[in-house]
Amino acid sequence: MENIKCAIIGSGPAGYTAAIYASRAALNPVVFEGAAPGGQITMTEQIDNFPGYPEGISGFGLMQDIRKQAERFNADIRSKVISKVDLSKRPFYLQDEDGNEYMAQSIIISTGATARWLGLESETKFRGQGVSTCATCDGFFYRKKDVAVVGGGDTACAEALYLAGICNKVYMIVRRDVLRATAIVQKMVKEKENIEILWQQKPLEVLGDDSGVTGVRLISTKDNTTTTDIDVMGLFVAVGNEPKTELFKGQLELDDEGYIITKPHCSYTSVEGVFACGDVQDKRYRQAIVAAGTGAAAAIDCERWLLENPLK
């Protein structure tokens, strides 16, 4: 059974950055990249808000660069999926999908979260060509254009308000006859002149051509029959995210939505020696640069904790 000083479960901006810092701190980290090396950001066609890339870069390219930087400091990065963990005692037990077993003195979790999609075939077809789950990431491409946001919660309202500041018009597609967002956010949305709420509607089909999205066909949730087409160049899906924490249920403290709870102003979880970073514990910002920052923090916390708690 292999013994590891610092195991990093997951990759993405948080995991790879944690690997850079942990490697430089001589923690000899082993990174288990998971089923989607680099995380969901690799599906983003163009990133213009990550510092250091004045001309922008693809999500895949960004992850390759950070990964290479971690490898330069001898991080051991493996294309393995961890399928079982036991956090009840230290060293912690890990097992990968092939049955290989490991004992880890410390663990950094960076398994991320996945956006919930609508499940439409046309949505998948135009993903990255007008269909997005991040207004902060992709809203710039739709300056002074008409766009739509799907959802009625706080996240959808925040996306709509952000887009309203740069786009010509924002349609909010809400399947119910009320918003689920907090009262103050609802008030802000309803008072914004260029936001129009389309009540009791849901997307039936994303319309488009070779240039990308050109509109959305809606169907009434009241009668499931009446359809309406709206002309938009971008569709932002904001119906929630799902943290990848199934592996840790019953072992770490999670919130009602399944996100790992970390102690204030640090990456410590409810289990000593286990740290969390990135979107698996962040449901507020969900930005690559923020995830990278928490990855650095987790590695620093881990290094200091190991110094104070050497394995006897």
Protein backbone atom coordinates (compact mmCIF):
# COMPACT_ATOMS: atom_id res chain seq x y z
CA MET A 1 0.00 0.00 0.00
CA GLU A 2 1.43 3.36 -1.05
CA ASN A 3 2.01 6.03 1.59
CA ILE A 4 1.41 9.64 0.59
CA LYS A 5 2.21 12.79 2.55
CA CYS A 6 -0.33 14.99 0.75
CA ALA A 7 -3.07 13.60 -1.49
CA ILE A 8 -4.98 16.02 -3.71
CA ILE A 9 -8.32 14.65 -4.89
CA GLY A 10 -9.48 16.47 -8.01
CA SER A 11 -7.83 18.89 -10.38
CA GLY A 12 -9.00 22.12 -11.99
CA PRO A 13 -7.61 25.55 -11.03
CA ALA A 14 -7.83 24.73 -7.32
CA GLY A 15 -6.26 21.27 -7.43
CA TYR A 16 -3.43 22.15 -9.79
CA THR A 17 -2.60 25.34 -7.88
CA ALA A 18 -2.61 23.41 -4.61
CA ALA A 19 -0.17 21.01 -6.27
CA ILE A 20 2.16 23.88 -7.19
CA TYR A 21 2.24 25.21 -3.64
CA ALA A 22 2.41 21.78 -2.01
CA SER A 23 5.28 20.74 -4.28
CA ARG A 24 7.26 23.88 -3.52
CA ALA A 25 6.72 23.16 0.18
CA ALA A 26 8.24 19.69 -0.27
CA LEU A 27 4.99 17.88 0.55
CA ASN A 28 5.47 15.56 -2.45
CA PRO A 29 1.80 15.77 -3.42
CA VAL A 30 0.04 13.11 -5.45
CA VAL A 31 -2.80 14.54 -7.54
CA PHE A 32 -5.66 12.24 -8.49
CA GLU A 33 -7.14 14.17 -11.42
CA GLY A 34 -10.49 12.40 -11.53
CA ALA A 35 -12.71 11.57 -14.50
CA ALA A 36 -12.45 15.08 -15.99
CA PRO A 37 -8.83 16.29 -15.75
CA GLY A 38 -8.80 20.07 -15.45
CA GLY A 39 -12.44 20.24 -14.39
CA GLN A 40 -15.44 21.78 -16.11
CA ILE A 41 -13.49 24.89 -17.05
CA THR A 42 -11.87 22.90 -19.86
CA MET A 43 -15.18 23.18 -21.73
CA THR A 44 -14.93 26.99 -21.81
CA GLU A 45 -13.89 28.14 -25.25
CA GLN A 46 -12.43 31.52 -24.30
CA ILE A 47 -11.36 32.94 -20.93
CA ASP A 48 -10.54 36.65 -20.82
CA ASN A 49 -10.63 37.34 -17.08
CA PHE A 50 -7.75 35.20 -15.79
CA PRO A 51 -4.72 37.42 -14.99
CA GLY A 52 -1.63 36.93 -17.10
CA TYR A 53 -3.37 36.21 -20.40
CA PRO A 54 -3.91 39.58 -22.09
CA GLU A 55 -5.12 37.94 -25.30
CA GLY A 56 -7.30 35.40 -23.50
CA ILE A 57 -6.96 31.63 -23.48
CA SER A 58 -9.17 28.57 -23.75
CA GLY A 59 -10.15 26.76 -20.57
CA PHE A 60 -8.27 23.68 -21.74
CA GLY A 61 -5.17 25.74 -22.50
CA LEU A 62 -5.28 27.42 -19.09
CA MET A 63 -5.48 24.09 -17.30
CA GLN A 64 -2.64 22.68 -19.36
CA ASP A 65 -0.45 25.63 -18.40
CA ILE A 66 -1.18 25.34 -14.67
CA ARG A 67 -0.74 21.58 -14.82
CA LYS A 68 2.66 21.94 -16.50
CA GLN A 69 3.70 24.42 -13.83
CA ALA A 70 2.81 21.91 -11.13
CA GLU A 71 4.79 19.23 -12.96
CA ARG A 72 7.79 21.57 -13.15
CA PHE A 73 7.94 21.34 -9.35
CA ASN A 74 7.63 17.56 -9.52
CA ALA A 75 4.00 17.16 -8.55
CA ASP A 76 2.94 13.56 -9.15
CA ILE A 77 -0.19 13.94 -11.28
CA ARG A 78 -2.13 10.77 -12.03
CA SER A 79 -5.14 10.19 -14.25
CA LYS A 80 -6.95 8.24 -11.56
CA VAL A 81 -10.39 8.46 -9.98
CA ILE A 82 -10.63 8.01 -6.22
CA SER A 83 -13.67 5.83 -5.57
CA LYS A 84 -13.47 5.28 -1.81
CA VAL A 85 -12.16 7.18 1.20
CA ASP A 86 -12.09 6.57 4.94
CA LEU A 87 -11.54 9.74 6.94
CA SER A 88 -12.28 8.20 10.34
CA LYS A 89 -8.63 7.96 11.33
CA ARG A 90 -5.22 9.13 10.24
CA PRO A 91 -3.49 8.17 8.04
CA PHE A 92 -6.52 8.40 5.78
CA TYR A 93 -7.43 5.52 3.50
CA LEU A 94 -7.98 6.01 -0.25
CA GLN A 95 -8.84 3.59 -3.00
CA ASP A 96 -8.93 4.32 -6.72
CA GLU A 97 -11.20 2.89 -9.41
CA ASP A 98 -8.67 0.14 -10.18
CA GLY A 99 -8.55 -1.06 -6.59
CA ASN A 100 -5.16 0.49 -5.77
CA GLU A 101 -4.93 1.50 -2.11
CA TYR A 102 -3.20 4.45 -0.49
CA MET A 103 -2.62 5.87 2.97
CA ALA A 104 -2.42 9.67 3.16
CA GLN A 105 -1.18 11.85 6.00
CA SER A 106 -3.27 14.75 4.68
CA ILE A 107 -5.85 15.36 1.97
CA ILE A 108 -6.79 18.38 -0.10
CA ILE A 109 -10.18 18.06 -1.77
CA SER A 110 -10.74 19.94 -5.03
CA THR A 111 -13.41 17.84 -6.73
CA GLY A 112 -15.37 20.91 -7.86
CA ALA A 113 -19.00 21.25 -8.85
CA THR A 114 -20.92 20.75 -12.05
CA ALA A 115 -23.53 23.08 -13.47
CA ARG A 116 -27.04 21.74 -13.87
CA TRP A 117 -28.16 21.82 -17.48
CA LEU A 118 -31.62 21.80 -18.97
CA GLY A 119 -31.15 18.50 -20.74
CA LEU A 120 -32.00 19.75 -24.22
CA GLU A 121 -30.21 18.31 -27.23
CA SER A 122 -30.03 21.78 -28.78
CA GLU A 123 -28.53 23.14 -25.56
CA THR A 124 -25.67 20.68 -25.88
CA LYS A 125 -25.25 21.52 -29.56
CA PHE A 126 -24.72 25.23 -28.88
CA ARG A 127 -22.75 24.90 -25.65
CA GLY A 128 -19.84 27.29 -26.03
CA GLN A 129 -21.50 28.90 -29.06
CA GLY A 130 -24.01 31.02 -27.20
CA VAL A 131 -25.04 28.71 -24.37
CA SER A 132 -23.20 29.28 -21.09
CA THR A 133 -23.54 28.83 -17.33
CA CYS A 134 -21.38 31.80 -16.34
CA ALA A 135 -22.29 35.42 -17.07
CA THR A 136 -19.13 36.72 -15.42
CA CYS A 137 -17.04 34.50 -17.70
CA ASP A 138 -18.86 34.97 -21.00
CA GLY A 139 -21.08 38.03 -20.67
CA PHE A 140 -18.47 40.29 -22.27
CA PHE A 141 -19.06 38.61 -25.63
CA TYR A 142 -22.67 39.84 -25.65
CA ARG A 143 -22.14 43.52 -24.94
CA LYS A 144 -25.08 45.60 -26.22
CA LYS A 145 -26.85 42.45 -27.43
CA ASP A 146 -30.01 40.67 -26.27
CA VAL A 147 -29.59 37.62 -24.05
CA ALA A 148 -31.69 35.33 -21.84
CA VAL A 149 -31.18 33.81 -18.40
CA VAL A 150 -32.95 30.62 -17.31
CA GLY A 151 -33.82 30.38 -13.62
CA GLY A 152 -35.55 32.22 -10.82
CA GLY A 153 -33.25 31.91 -7.82
CA ASP A 154 -30.52 34.13 -6.41
CA THR A 155 -27.94 32.89 -8.90
CA ALA A 156 -30.18 33.56 -11.90
CA CYS A 157 -31.04 37.02 -10.61
CA ALA A 158 -27.38 37.82 -10.00
CA GLU A 159 -26.54 36.69 -13.53
CA ALA A 160 -29.37 38.80 -14.97
CA LEU A 161 -28.31 41.90 -13.04
CA TYR A 162 -24.70 41.49 -14.17
CA LEU A 163 -25.75 41.06 -17.80
CA ALA A 164 -28.16 44.00 -17.59
CA GLY A 165 -25.16 46.23 -16.99
CA ILE A 166 -23.51 45.30 -20.29
CA CYS A 167 -26.24 43.92 -22.55
CA ASN A 168 -29.02 45.66 -24.44
CA LYS A 169 -31.81 43.51 -22.99
CA VAL A 170 -32.03 40.55 -20.66
CA TYR A 171 -34.95 38.12 -20.64
CA MET A 172 -35.41 36.05 -17.49
CA ILE A 173 -37.12 32.74 -18.26
CA VAL A 174 -38.92 31.61 -15.10
CA ARG A 175 -40.97 28.42 -15.01
CA ARG A 176 -43.04 29.52 -12.02
CA ASP A 177 -45.09 32.67 -11.40
CA VAL A 178 -42.72 33.87 -8.67
CA LEU A 179 -38.97 34.29 -8.17
CA ARG A 180 -37.22 32.20 -5.53
CA ALA A 181 -34.54 34.81 -4.89
CA THR A 182 -34.30 36.87 -1.72
CA ALA A 183 -36.61 39.88 -1.50
CA ILE A 184 -33.93 42.54 -2.02
CA VAL A 185 -32.57 40.79 -5.11
CA GLN A 186 -36.06 40.38 -6.54
CA LYS A 187 -36.67 44.08 -6.07
CA MET A 188 -33.44 44.96 -7.90
CA VAL A 189 -34.35 42.71 -10.83
CA LYS A 190 -37.88 44.01 -11.14
CA GLU A 191 -36.70 47.61 -11.07
CA LYS A 192 -34.09 47.12 -13.78
CA GLU A 193 -35.51 48.62 -16.96
CA ASN A 194 -33.76 46.31 -19.42
CA ILE A 195 -34.71 43.07 -17.63
CA GLU A 196 -37.97 41.46 -18.73
CA ILE A 197 -39.28 38.48 -16.78
CA LEU A 198 -41.10 35.86 -18.83
CA TRP A 199 -43.25 34.11 -16.25
CA GLN A 200 -44.34 30.47 -16.43
CA GLN A 201 -42.11 29.65 -19.36
CA LYS A 202 -39.36 27.12 -19.97
CA PRO A 203 -36.99 26.55 -22.89
CA LEU A 204 -38.19 23.99 -25.39
CA GLU A 205 -35.39 24.42 -27.92
CA VAL A 206 -32.32 26.56 -28.43
CA LEU A 207 -32.41 28.05 -31.90
CA GLY A 208 -29.32 28.82 -33.94
CA ASP A 209 -27.20 28.36 -37.02
CA ASP A 210 -23.53 28.05 -37.92
CA SER A 211 -22.80 31.37 -36.21
CA GLY A 212 -24.25 30.21 -32.89
CA VAL A 213 -27.40 30.92 -30.91
CA THR A 214 -30.04 33.11 -32.56
CA GLY A 215 -32.98 32.57 -30.23
CA VAL A 216 -34.88 30.36 -27.83
CA ARG A 217 -38.24 28.65 -28.29
CA LEU A 218 -40.26 28.70 -25.07
CA ILE A 219 -43.21 26.63 -24.00
CA SER A 220 -45.77 27.68 -21.42
CA THR A 221 -45.66 25.77 -18.14
CA LYS A 222 -49.34 26.58 -17.64
CA ASP A 223 -50.66 24.54 -20.56
CA ASN A 224 -47.50 22.83 -21.91
CA THR A 225 -48.75 23.74 -25.38
CA THR A 226 -48.31 27.43 -26.22
CA THR A 227 -44.89 28.24 -27.67
CA THR A 228 -43.12 31.56 -28.14
CA ASP A 229 -39.82 32.42 -29.82
CA ILE A 230 -37.51 35.14 -28.52
CA ASP A 231 -34.53 36.53 -30.42
CA VAL A 232 -31.34 36.38 -28.35
CA MET A 233 -27.67 35.76 -29.08
CA GLY A 234 -26.82 34.24 -25.73
CA LEU A 235 -28.53 31.88 -23.30
CA PHE A 236 -27.27 31.64 -19.72
CA VAL A 237 -28.44 28.60 -17.75
CA ALA A 238 -28.63 29.37 -14.03
CA VAL A 239 -30.61 26.53 -12.50
CA GLY A 240 -28.02 25.56 -9.92
CA ASN A 241 -24.82 23.61 -9.41
CA GLU A 242 -24.09 20.24 -7.87
CA PRO A 243 -20.92 19.87 -5.79
CA LYS A 244 -19.05 16.61 -6.29
CA THR A 245 -19.17 15.47 -2.68
CA GLU A 246 -20.87 12.08 -2.88
CA LEU A 247 -17.58 10.47 -1.82
CA PHE A 248 -17.50 12.44 1.43
CA LYS A 249 -21.11 12.24 2.62
CA GLY A 250 -21.29 11.05 6.20
CA GLN A 251 -17.59 11.77 6.72
CA LEU A 252 -17.32 15.54 6.32
CA GLU A 253 -19.71 18.29 7.36
CA LEU A 254 -21.69 19.43 4.31
CA ASP A 255 -24.31 22.14 3.96
CA ASP A 256 -27.90 21.60 2.81
CA GLU A 257 -26.81 21.78 -0.84
CA GLY A 258 -23.95 19.31 -0.41
CA TYR A 259 -21.05 21.77 -0.39
CA ILE A 260 -18.15 21.09 1.98
CA ILE A 261 -18.22 23.47 4.94
CA THR A 262 -14.84 25.03 5.66
CA LYS A 263 -13.95 27.01 8.76
CA PRO A 264 -14.01 30.82 8.40
CA HIS A 265 -11.06 32.36 6.56
CA CYS A 266 -9.28 29.06 5.92
CA SER A 267 -9.60 25.71 4.14
CA TYR A 268 -9.97 23.48 7.23
CA THR A 269 -12.89 21.04 7.05
CA SER A 270 -14.63 19.28 9.93
CA VAL A 271 -11.90 16.61 9.89
CA GLU A 272 -8.41 17.56 11.04
CA GLY A 273 -5.91 17.06 8.23
CA VAL A 274 -8.50 17.32 5.47
CA PHE A 275 -8.76 20.57 3.52
CA ALA A 276 -11.10 21.76 0.78
CA CYS A 277 -10.71 24.31 -1.99
CA GLY A 278 -12.37 25.48 -5.19
CA ASP A 279 -15.99 25.09 -6.21
CA VAL A 280 -16.56 22.08 -3.95
CA GLN A 281 -16.74 24.57 -1.07
CA ASP A 282 -17.46 27.84 -2.90
CA LYS A 283 -20.99 28.51 -4.12
CA ARG A 284 -20.63 32.29 -4.12
CA TYR A 285 -17.94 33.20 -6.66
CA ARG A 286 -17.29 30.13 -8.79
CA GLN A 287 -14.43 31.76 -10.71
CA ALA A 288 -11.19 30.13 -11.85
CA ILE A 289 -9.04 32.82 -10.26
CA VAL A 290 -10.86 32.44 -6.92
CA ALA A 291 -10.53 28.66 -7.08
CA ALA A 292 -6.81 28.99 -7.75
CA GLY A 293 -6.48 31.26 -4.73
CA THR A 294 -8.25 28.79 -2.45
CA GLY A 295 -6.01 26.05 -3.83
CA ALA A 296 -2.97 28.02 -2.73
CA ALA A 297 -4.57 28.61 0.67
CA ALA A 298 -5.34 24.91 1.12
CA ALA A 299 -1.74 23.92 0.38
CA ILE A 300 -0.42 26.54 2.82
CA ASP A 301 -2.87 25.39 5.51
CA CYS A 302 -1.89 21.78 4.84
CA GLU A 303 1.84 22.50 5.08
CA ARG A 304 1.46 24.31 8.41
CA TRP A 305 -0.84 21.65 9.80
CA LEU A 306 1.59 18.85 8.90
CA LEU A 307 4.40 20.72 10.66
CA GLU A 308 2.29 20.91 13.80
CA ASN A 309 0.91 17.38 13.51
CA PRO A 310 3.65 15.01 12.31
CA LEU A 311 2.58 11.40 11.94
CA LYS A 312 3.93 9.40 14.88
